[in-house]
Amino acid sequence: LKESVSSVHVIALQDSLATQFPGSVS
């Protein structure tokens, strides 16, 4: 995969001010 990539977009999922935030991404 490393040799086949043309671009990578990194999207940071910001934490909310509340306690509700995913602890895993299913």
mmCIF file of all heavy atoms, coordinates in Angstrom:
data_MODEL
# 
_entry.id   MODEL 
# 
loop_
_atom_site.group_PDB 
_atom_site.id 
_atom_site.type_symbol 
_atom_site.label_atom_id 
_atom_site.label_alt_id 
_atom_site.label_comp_id 
_atom_site.label_asym_id 
_atom_site.label_entity_id 
_atom_site.label_seq_id 
_atom_site.pdbx_PDB_ins_code 
_atom_site.Cartn_x 
_atom_site.Cartn_y 
_atom_site.Cartn_z 
_atom_site.occupancy 
_atom_site.B_iso_or_equiv 
_atom_site.pdbx_formal_charge 
_atom_site.auth_seq_id 
_atom_site.auth_comp_id 
_atom_site.auth_asym_id 
_atom_site.auth_atom_id 
_atom_site.pdbx_PDB_model_num 
ATOM 1   N N   . LEU A 1 1  ? 0.828   -1.203 0.000  1.00 0.00 ? 1  LEU A N   1 
ATOM 2   C CA  . LEU A 1 1  ? 0.000   0.000  0.000  1.00 0.00 ? 1  LEU A CA  1 
ATOM 3   C C   . LEU A 1 1  ? 0.865   1.256  0.000  1.00 0.00 ? 1  LEU A C   1 
ATOM 4   O O   . LEU A 1 1  ? 0.563   2.239  -0.689 1.00 0.00 ? 1  LEU A O   1 
ATOM 5   C CB  . LEU A 1 1  ? -0.921  -0.004 1.229  1.00 0.00 ? 1  LEU A CB  1 
ATOM 6   C CG  . LEU A 1 1  ? -1.797  1.238  1.415  1.00 0.00 ? 1  LEU A CG  1 
ATOM 7   C CD1 . LEU A 1 1  ? -2.813  1.362  0.292  1.00 0.00 ? 1  LEU A CD1 1 
ATOM 8   C CD2 . LEU A 1 1  ? -2.503  1.210  2.764  1.00 0.00 ? 1  LEU A CD2 1 
ATOM 9   N N   . LYS A 1 2  ? 1.954   1.238  0.746  1.00 0.00 ? 2  LYS A N   1 
ATOM 10  C CA  . LYS A 1 2  ? 2.848   2.389  0.818  1.00 0.00 ? 2  LYS A CA  1 
ATOM 11  C C   . LYS A 1 2  ? 3.372   2.781  -0.558 1.00 0.00 ? 2  LYS A C   1 
ATOM 12  O O   . LYS A 1 2  ? 3.497   3.967  -0.874 1.00 0.00 ? 2  LYS A O   1 
ATOM 13  C CB  . LYS A 1 2  ? 4.036   2.083  1.737  1.00 0.00 ? 2  LYS A CB  1 
ATOM 14  C CG  . LYS A 1 2  ? 3.712   2.048  3.219  1.00 0.00 ? 2  LYS A CG  1 
ATOM 15  C CD  . LYS A 1 2  ? 4.982   1.801  4.010  1.00 0.00 ? 2  LYS A CD  1 
ATOM 16  C CE  . LYS A 1 2  ? 4.729   1.833  5.504  1.00 0.00 ? 2  LYS A CE  1 
ATOM 17  N NZ  . LYS A 1 2  ? 5.984   1.586  6.278  1.00 0.00 ? 2  LYS A NZ  1 
ATOM 18  N N   . GLU A 1 3  ? 3.660   1.783  -1.395 1.00 0.00 ? 3  GLU A N   1 
ATOM 19  C CA  . GLU A 1 3  ? 4.220   2.047  -2.713 1.00 0.00 ? 3  GLU A CA  1 
ATOM 20  C C   . GLU A 1 3  ? 3.153   2.409  -3.741 1.00 0.00 ? 3  GLU A C   1 
ATOM 21  O O   . GLU A 1 3  ? 3.489   2.780  -4.870 1.00 0.00 ? 3  GLU A O   1 
ATOM 22  C CB  . GLU A 1 3  ? 5.002   0.819  -3.190 1.00 0.00 ? 3  GLU A CB  1 
ATOM 23  C CG  . GLU A 1 3  ? 6.180   0.459  -2.297 1.00 0.00 ? 3  GLU A CG  1 
ATOM 24  C CD  . GLU A 1 3  ? 6.832   -0.848 -2.716 1.00 0.00 ? 3  GLU A CD  1 
ATOM 25  O OE1 . GLU A 1 3  ? 6.350   -1.447 -3.702 1.00 0.00 ? 3  GLU A OE1 1 
ATOM 26  O OE2 . GLU A 1 3  ? 7.806   -1.263 -2.066 1.00 0.00 ? 3  GLU A OE2 1 
ATOM 27  N N   . SER A 1 4  ? 1.887   2.291  -3.377 1.00 0.00 ? 4  SER A N   1 
ATOM 28  C CA  . SER A 1 4  ? 0.801   2.490  -4.322 1.00 0.00 ? 4  SER A CA  1 
ATOM 29  C C   . SER A 1 4  ? 0.008   3.764  -4.071 1.00 0.00 ? 4  SER A C   1 
ATOM 30  O O   . SER A 1 4  ? -0.953  4.050  -4.774 1.00 0.00 ? 4  SER A O   1 
ATOM 31  C CB  . SER A 1 4  ? -0.161  1.290  -4.272 1.00 0.00 ? 4  SER A CB  1 
ATOM 32  O OG  . SER A 1 4  ? 0.524   0.077  -4.441 1.00 0.00 ? 4  SER A OG  1 
ATOM 33  N N   . VAL A 1 5  ? 0.405   4.519  -3.077 1.00 0.00 ? 5  VAL A N   1 
ATOM 34  C CA  . VAL A 1 5  ? -0.365  5.690  -2.669 1.00 0.00 ? 5  VAL A CA  1 
ATOM 35  C C   . VAL A 1 5  ? -0.018  6.901  -3.529 1.00 0.00 ? 5  VAL A C   1 
ATOM 36  O O   . VAL A 1 5  ? 1.147   7.195  -3.777 1.00 0.00 ? 5  VAL A O   1 
ATOM 37  C CB  . VAL A 1 5  ? -0.093  6.012  -1.183 1.00 0.00 ? 5  VAL A CB  1 
ATOM 38  C CG1 . VAL A 1 5  ? -0.755  7.310  -0.771 1.00 0.00 ? 5  VAL A CG1 1 
ATOM 39  C CG2 . VAL A 1 5  ? -0.575  4.877  -0.312 1.00 0.00 ? 5  VAL A CG2 1 
ATOM 40  N N   . SER A 1 6  ? -1.043  7.604  -3.998 1.00 0.00 ? 6  SER A N   1 
ATOM 41  C CA  . SER A 1 6  ? -0.815  8.877  -4.686 1.00 0.00 ? 6  SER A CA  1 
ATOM 42  C C   . SER A 1 6  ? -1.055  10.058 -3.750 1.00 0.00 ? 6  SER A C   1 
ATOM 43  O O   . SER A 1 6  ? -0.457  11.119 -3.917 1.00 0.00 ? 6  SER A O   1 
ATOM 44  C CB  . SER A 1 6  ? -1.715  9.003  -5.916 1.00 0.00 ? 6  SER A CB  1 
ATOM 45  O OG  . SER A 1 6  ? -3.075  8.974  -5.552 1.00 0.00 ? 6  SER A OG  1 
ATOM 46  N N   . SER A 1 7  ? -1.951  9.896  -2.749 1.00 0.00 ? 7  SER A N   1 
ATOM 47  C CA  . SER A 1 7  ? -2.148  10.947 -1.754 1.00 0.00 ? 7  SER A CA  1 
ATOM 48  C C   . SER A 1 7  ? -2.798  10.363 -0.506 1.00 0.00 ? 7  SER A C   1 
ATOM 49  O O   . SER A 1 7  ? -3.467  9.338  -0.564 1.00 0.00 ? 7  SER A O   1 
ATOM 50  C CB  . SER A 1 7  ? -3.009  12.085 -2.306 1.00 0.00 ? 7  SER A CB  1 
ATOM 51  O OG  . SER A 1 7  ? -4.331  11.638 -2.543 1.00 0.00 ? 7  SER A OG  1 
ATOM 52  N N   . VAL A 1 8  ? -2.579  11.038 0.602  1.00 0.00 ? 8  VAL A N   1 
ATOM 53  C CA  . VAL A 1 8  ? -3.195  10.662 1.875  1.00 0.00 ? 8  VAL A CA  1 
ATOM 54  C C   . VAL A 1 8  ? -3.797  11.904 2.510  1.00 0.00 ? 8  VAL A C   1 
ATOM 55  O O   . VAL A 1 8  ? -3.114  12.917 2.658  1.00 0.00 ? 8  VAL A O   1 
ATOM 56  C CB  . VAL A 1 8  ? -2.174  10.032 2.852  1.00 0.00 ? 8  VAL A CB  1 
ATOM 57  C CG1 . VAL A 1 8  ? -2.874  9.596  4.138  1.00 0.00 ? 8  VAL A CG1 1 
ATOM 58  C CG2 . VAL A 1 8  ? -1.452  8.872  2.211  1.00 0.00 ? 8  VAL A CG2 1 
ATOM 59  N N   . HIS A 1 9  ? -5.066  11.847 2.869  1.00 0.00 ? 9  HIS A N   1 
ATOM 60  C CA  . HIS A 1 9  ? -5.713  12.935 3.594  1.00 0.00 ? 9  HIS A CA  1 
ATOM 61  C C   . HIS A 1 9  ? -5.958  12.469 5.026  1.00 0.00 ? 9  HIS A C   1 
ATOM 62  O O   . HIS A 1 9  ? -6.616  11.456 5.254  1.00 0.00 ? 9  HIS A O   1 
ATOM 63  C CB  . HIS A 1 9  ? -7.040  13.318 2.945  1.00 0.00 ? 9  HIS A CB  1 
ATOM 64  C CG  . HIS A 1 9  ? -6.889  14.008 1.633  1.00 0.00 ? 9  HIS A CG  1 
ATOM 65  N ND1 . HIS A 1 9  ? -7.950  14.552 0.948  1.00 0.00 ? 9  HIS A ND1 1 
ATOM 66  C CD2 . HIS A 1 9  ? -5.797  14.251 0.879  1.00 0.00 ? 9  HIS A CD2 1 
ATOM 67  C CE1 . HIS A 1 9  ? -7.524  15.100 -0.173 1.00 0.00 ? 9  HIS A CE1 1 
ATOM 68  N NE2 . HIS A 1 9  ? -6.220  14.915 -0.233 1.00 0.00 ? 9  HIS A NE2 1 
ATOM 69  N N   . VAL A 1 10 ? -5.422  13.224 5.975  1.00 0.00 ? 10 VAL A N   1 
ATOM 70  C CA  . VAL A 1 10 ? -5.612  12.898 7.386  1.00 0.00 ? 10 VAL A CA  1 
ATOM 71  C C   . VAL A 1 10 ? -6.661  13.840 7.959  1.00 0.00 ? 10 VAL A C   1 
ATOM 72  O O   . VAL A 1 10 ? -6.493  15.054 7.933  1.00 0.00 ? 10 VAL A O   1 
ATOM 73  C CB  . VAL A 1 10 ? -4.295  13.028 8.177  1.00 0.00 ? 10 VAL A CB  1 
ATOM 74  C CG1 . VAL A 1 10 ? -4.525  12.665 9.643  1.00 0.00 ? 10 VAL A CG1 1 
ATOM 75  C CG2 . VAL A 1 10 ? -3.224  12.157 7.552  1.00 0.00 ? 10 VAL A CG2 1 
ATOM 76  N N   . ILE A 1 11 ? -7.763  13.277 8.457  1.00 0.00 ? 11 ILE A N   1 
ATOM 77  C CA  . ILE A 1 11 ? -8.830  14.071 9.047  1.00 0.00 ? 11 ILE A CA  1 
ATOM 78  C C   . ILE A 1 11 ? -8.853  13.801 10.540 1.00 0.00 ? 11 ILE A C   1 
ATOM 79  O O   . ILE A 1 11 ? -9.106  12.673 10.976 1.00 0.00 ? 11 ILE A O   1 
ATOM 80  C CB  . ILE A 1 11 ? -10.196 13.727 8.420  1.00 0.00 ? 11 ILE A CB  1 
ATOM 81  C CG1 . ILE A 1 11 ? -10.161 13.959 6.906  1.00 0.00 ? 11 ILE A CG1 1 
ATOM 82  C CG2 . ILE A 1 11 ? -11.299 14.552 9.068  1.00 0.00 ? 11 ILE A CG2 1 
ATOM 83  C CD1 . ILE A 1 11 ? -11.434 13.545 6.204  1.00 0.00 ? 11 ILE A CD1 1 
ATOM 84  N N   . ALA A 1 12 ? -8.543  14.826 11.321 1.00 0.00 ? 12 ALA A N   1 
ATOM 85  C CA  . ALA A 1 12 ? -8.575  14.692 12.776 1.00 0.00 ? 12 ALA A CA  1 
ATOM 86  C C   . ALA A 1 12 ? -10.008 14.835 13.257 1.00 0.00 ? 12 ALA A C   1 
ATOM 87  O O   . ALA A 1 12 ? -10.655 15.852 13.003 1.00 0.00 ? 12 ALA A O   1 
ATOM 88  C CB  . ALA A 1 12 ? -7.683  15.750 13.414 1.00 0.00 ? 12 ALA A CB  1 
ATOM 89  N N   . LEU A 1 13 ? -10.525 13.809 13.936 1.00 0.00 ? 13 LEU A N   1 
ATOM 90  C CA  . LEU A 1 13 ? -11.869 13.859 14.514 1.00 0.00 ? 13 LEU A CA  1 
ATOM 91  C C   . LEU A 1 13 ? -11.770 14.559 15.859 1.00 0.00 ? 13 LEU A C   1 
ATOM 92  O O   . LEU A 1 13 ? -11.257 14.010 16.832 1.00 0.00 ? 13 LEU A O   1 
ATOM 93  C CB  . LEU A 1 13 ? -12.436 12.454 14.679 1.00 0.00 ? 13 LEU A CB  1 
ATOM 94  C CG  . LEU A 1 13 ? -12.613 11.640 13.392 1.00 0.00 ? 13 LEU A CG  1 
ATOM 95  C CD1 . LEU A 1 13 ? -13.174 10.264 13.720 1.00 0.00 ? 13 LEU A CD1 1 
ATOM 96  C CD2 . LEU A 1 13 ? -13.520 12.363 12.399 1.00 0.00 ? 13 LEU A CD2 1 
ATOM 97  N N   . GLN A 1 14 ? -12.255 15.787 15.906 1.00 0.00 ? 14 GLN A N   1 
ATOM 98  C CA  . GLN A 1 14 ? -12.131 16.576 17.121 1.00 0.00 ? 14 GLN A CA  1 
ATOM 99  C C   . GLN A 1 14 ? -13.044 16.033 18.213 1.00 0.00 ? 14 GLN A C   1 
ATOM 100 O O   . GLN A 1 14 ? -14.143 15.562 17.945 1.00 0.00 ? 14 GLN A O   1 
ATOM 101 C CB  . GLN A 1 14 ? -12.472 18.031 16.829 1.00 0.00 ? 14 GLN A CB  1 
ATOM 102 C CG  . GLN A 1 14 ? -11.588 18.657 15.749 1.00 0.00 ? 14 GLN A CG  1 
ATOM 103 C CD  . GLN A 1 14 ? -12.036 20.059 15.402 1.00 0.00 ? 14 GLN A CD  1 
ATOM 104 O OE1 . GLN A 1 14 ? -12.469 20.812 16.268 1.00 0.00 ? 14 GLN A OE1 1 
ATOM 105 N NE2 . GLN A 1 14 ? -11.932 20.428 14.137 1.00 0.00 ? 14 GLN A NE2 1 
ATOM 106 N N   . ASP A 1 15 ? -12.562 16.119 19.436 1.00 0.00 ? 15 ASP A N   1 
ATOM 107 C CA  . ASP A 1 15 ? -13.349 15.689 20.589 1.00 0.00 ? 15 ASP A CA  1 
ATOM 108 C C   . ASP A 1 15 ? -14.389 16.762 20.899 1.00 0.00 ? 15 ASP A C   1 
ATOM 109 O O   . ASP A 1 15 ? -14.157 17.956 20.709 1.00 0.00 ? 15 ASP A O   1 
ATOM 110 C CB  . ASP A 1 15 ? -12.435 15.486 21.798 1.00 0.00 ? 15 ASP A CB  1 
ATOM 111 C CG  . ASP A 1 15 ? -13.082 14.626 22.865 1.00 0.00 ? 15 ASP A CG  1 
ATOM 112 O OD1 . ASP A 1 15 ? -14.307 14.414 22.774 1.00 0.00 ? 15 ASP A OD1 1 
ATOM 113 O OD2 . ASP A 1 15 ? -12.369 14.181 23.767 1.00 0.00 ? 15 ASP A OD2 1 
ATOM 114 N N   . SER A 1 16 ? -15.550 16.315 21.364 1.00 0.00 ? 16 SER A N   1 
ATOM 115 C CA  . SER A 1 16 ? -16.569 17.261 21.795 1.00 0.00 ? 16 SER A CA  1 
ATOM 116 C C   . SER A 1 16 ? -16.278 17.681 23.228 1.00 0.00 ? 16 SER A C   1 
ATOM 117 O O   . SER A 1 16 ? -15.456 17.086 23.924 1.00 0.00 ? 16 SER A O   1 
ATOM 118 C CB  . SER A 1 16 ? -17.955 16.626 21.694 1.00 0.00 ? 16 SER A CB  1 
ATOM 119 O OG  . SER A 1 16 ? -18.050 15.545 22.597 1.00 0.00 ? 16 SER A OG  1 
ATOM 120 N N   . LEU A 1 17 ? -16.957 18.705 23.683 1.00 0.00 ? 17 LEU A N   1 
ATOM 121 C CA  . LEU A 1 17 ? -16.784 19.149 25.058 1.00 0.00 ? 17 LEU A CA  1 
ATOM 122 C C   . LEU A 1 17 ? -17.480 18.222 26.039 1.00 0.00 ? 17 LEU A C   1 
ATOM 123 O O   . LEU A 1 17 ? -17.178 18.222 27.220 1.00 0.00 ? 17 LEU A O   1 
ATOM 124 C CB  . LEU A 1 17 ? -17.322 20.581 25.215 1.00 0.00 ? 17 LEU A CB  1 
ATOM 125 C CG  . LEU A 1 17 ? -16.605 21.650 24.388 1.00 0.00 ? 17 LEU A CG  1 
ATOM 126 C CD1 . LEU A 1 17 ? -17.262 23.015 24.604 1.00 0.00 ? 17 LEU A CD1 1 
ATOM 127 C CD2 . LEU A 1 17 ? -15.126 21.709 24.728 1.00 0.00 ? 17 LEU A CD2 1 
ATOM 128 N N   . ALA A 1 18 ? -18.412 17.421 25.523 1.00 0.00 ? 18 ALA A N   1 
ATOM 129 C CA  . ALA A 1 18 ? -19.103 16.457 26.364 1.00 0.00 ? 18 ALA A CA  1 
ATOM 130 C C   . ALA A 1 18 ? -18.273 15.188 26.480 1.00 0.00 ? 18 ALA A C   1 
ATOM 131 O O   . ALA A 1 18 ? -17.194 15.073 25.924 1.00 0.00 ? 18 ALA A O   1 
ATOM 132 C CB  . ALA A 1 18 ? -20.483 16.152 25.783 1.00 0.00 ? 18 ALA A CB  1 
ATOM 133 N N   . THR A 1 19 ? -18.802 14.222 27.226 1.00 0.00 ? 19 THR A N   1 
ATOM 134 C CA  . THR A 1 19 ? -18.071 12.968 27.417 1.00 0.00 ? 19 THR A CA  1 
ATOM 135 C C   . THR A 1 19 ? -18.351 11.979 26.291 1.00 0.00 ? 19 THR A C   1 
ATOM 136 O O   . THR A 1 19 ? -17.749 10.915 26.245 1.00 0.00 ? 19 THR A O   1 
ATOM 137 C CB  . THR A 1 19 ? -18.466 12.322 28.753 1.00 0.00 ? 19 THR A CB  1 
ATOM 138 O OG1 . THR A 1 19 ? -19.887 12.096 28.772 1.00 0.00 ? 19 THR A OG1 1 
ATOM 139 C CG2 . THR A 1 19 ? -18.095 13.232 29.910 1.00 0.00 ? 19 THR A CG2 1 
ATOM 140 N N   . GLN A 1 20 ? -19.264 12.305 25.390 1.00 0.00 ? 20 GLN A N   1 
ATOM 141 C CA  . GLN A 1 20 ? -19.630 11.390 24.322 1.00 0.00 ? 20 GLN A CA  1 
ATOM 142 C C   . GLN A 1 20 ? -18.631 11.504 23.183 1.00 0.00 ? 20 GLN A C   1 
ATOM 143 O O   . GLN A 1 20 ? -18.605 12.502 22.458 1.00 0.00 ? 20 GLN A O   1 
ATOM 144 C CB  . GLN A 1 20 ? -21.051 11.686 23.829 1.00 0.00 ? 20 GLN A CB  1 
ATOM 145 C CG  . GLN A 1 20 ? -22.101 11.494 24.915 1.00 0.00 ? 20 GLN A CG  1 
ATOM 146 C CD  . GLN A 1 20 ? -23.480 11.953 24.467 1.00 0.00 ? 20 GLN A CD  1 
ATOM 147 O OE1 . GLN A 1 20 ? -23.609 12.805 23.614 1.00 0.00 ? 20 GLN A OE1 1 
ATOM 148 N NE2 . GLN A 1 20 ? -24.510 11.365 25.042 1.00 0.00 ? 20 GLN A NE2 1 
ATOM 149 N N   . PHE A 1 21 ? -17.821 10.484 23.064 1.00 0.00 ? 21 PHE A N   1 
ATOM 150 C CA  . PHE A 1 21 ? -16.801 10.453 22.016 1.00 0.00 ? 21 PHE A CA  1 
ATOM 151 C C   . PHE A 1 21 ? -16.488 8.994  21.731 1.00 0.00 ? 21 PHE A C   1 
ATOM 152 O O   . PHE A 1 21 ? -16.317 8.204  22.653 1.00 0.00 ? 21 PHE A O   1 
ATOM 153 C CB  . PHE A 1 21 ? -15.534 11.184 22.483 1.00 0.00 ? 21 PHE A CB  1 
ATOM 154 C CG  . PHE A 1 21 ? -14.476 11.302 21.413 1.00 0.00 ? 21 PHE A CG  1 
ATOM 155 C CD1 . PHE A 1 21 ? -14.663 12.136 20.326 1.00 0.00 ? 21 PHE A CD1 1 
ATOM 156 C CD2 . PHE A 1 21 ? -13.300 10.578 21.503 1.00 0.00 ? 21 PHE A CD2 1 
ATOM 157 C CE1 . PHE A 1 21 ? -13.686 12.251 19.343 1.00 0.00 ? 21 PHE A CE1 1 
ATOM 158 C CE2 . PHE A 1 21 ? -12.325 10.684 20.531 1.00 0.00 ? 21 PHE A CE2 1 
ATOM 159 C CZ  . PHE A 1 21 ? -12.521 11.529 19.447 1.00 0.00 ? 21 PHE A CZ  1 
ATOM 160 N N   . PRO A 1 22 ? -16.450 8.579  20.458 1.00 0.00 ? 22 PRO A N   1 
ATOM 161 C CA  . PRO A 1 22 ? -16.238 7.150  20.170 1.00 0.00 ? 22 PRO A CA  1 
ATOM 162 C C   . PRO A 1 22 ? -14.891 6.661  20.666 1.00 0.00 ? 22 PRO A C   1 
ATOM 163 O O   . PRO A 1 22 ? -13.854 7.264  20.395 1.00 0.00 ? 22 PRO A O   1 
ATOM 164 C CB  . PRO A 1 22 ? -16.341 7.080  18.635 1.00 0.00 ? 22 PRO A CB  1 
ATOM 165 C CG  . PRO A 1 22 ? -16.082 8.471  18.161 1.00 0.00 ? 22 PRO A CG  1 
ATOM 166 C CD  . PRO A 1 22 ? -16.600 9.376  19.222 1.00 0.00 ? 22 PRO A CD  1 
ATOM 167 N N   . GLY A 1 23 ? -14.933 5.545  21.391 1.00 0.00 ? 23 GLY A N   1 
ATOM 168 C CA  . GLY A 1 23 ? -13.691 4.945  21.873 1.00 0.00 ? 23 GLY A CA  1 
ATOM 169 C C   . GLY A 1 23 ? -13.133 3.927  20.913 1.00 0.00 ? 23 GLY A C   1 
ATOM 170 O O   . GLY A 1 23 ? -12.001 3.479  21.046 1.00 0.00 ? 23 GLY A O   1 
ATOM 171 N N   . SER A 1 24 ? -13.940 3.528  19.928 1.00 0.00 ? 24 SER A N   1 
ATOM 172 C CA  . SER A 1 24 ? -13.480 2.654  18.859 1.00 0.00 ? 24 SER A CA  1 
ATOM 173 C C   . SER A 1 24 ? -14.265 3.023  17.599 1.00 0.00 ? 24 SER A C   1 
ATOM 174 O O   . SER A 1 24 ? -15.361 3.570  17.680 1.00 0.00 ? 24 SER A O   1 
ATOM 175 C CB  . SER A 1 24 ? -13.696 1.173  19.198 1.00 0.00 ? 24 SER A CB  1 
ATOM 176 O OG  . SER A 1 24 ? -15.078 0.890  19.348 1.00 0.00 ? 24 SER A OG  1 
ATOM 177 N N   . VAL A 1 25 ? -13.673 2.744  16.452 1.00 0.00 ? 25 VAL A N   1 
ATOM 178 C CA  . VAL A 1 25 ? -14.316 3.061  15.171 1.00 0.00 ? 25 VAL A CA  1 
ATOM 179 C C   . VAL A 1 25 ? -14.684 1.745  14.499 1.00 0.00 ? 25 VAL A C   1 
ATOM 180 O O   . VAL A 1 25 ? -13.827 1.022  14.004 1.00 0.00 ? 25 VAL A O   1 
ATOM 181 C CB  . VAL A 1 25 ? -13.387 3.896  14.267 1.00 0.00 ? 25 VAL A CB  1 
ATOM 182 C CG1 . VAL A 1 25 ? -14.042 4.146  12.920 1.00 0.00 ? 25 VAL A CG1 1 
ATOM 183 C CG2 . VAL A 1 25 ? -13.043 5.219  14.940 1.00 0.00 ? 25 VAL A CG2 1 
ATOM 184 N N   . SER A 1 26 ? -15.977 1.414  14.510 1.00 0.00 ? 26 SER A N   1 
ATOM 185 C CA  . SER A 1 26 ? -16.434 0.151  13.942 1.00 0.00 ? 26 SER A CA  1 
ATOM 186 C C   . SER A 1 26 ? -16.808 0.279  12.480 1.00 0.00 ? 26 SER A C   1 
ATOM 187 O O   . SER A 1 26 ? -16.562 -0.635 11.694 1.00 0.00 ? 26 SER A O   1 
ATOM 188 C CB  . SER A 1 26 ? -17.645 -0.373 14.735 1.00 0.00 ? 26 SER A CB  1 
ATOM 189 O OG  . SER A 1 26 ? -17.345 -0.510 16.102 1.00 0.00 ? 26 SER A OG  1 
# 
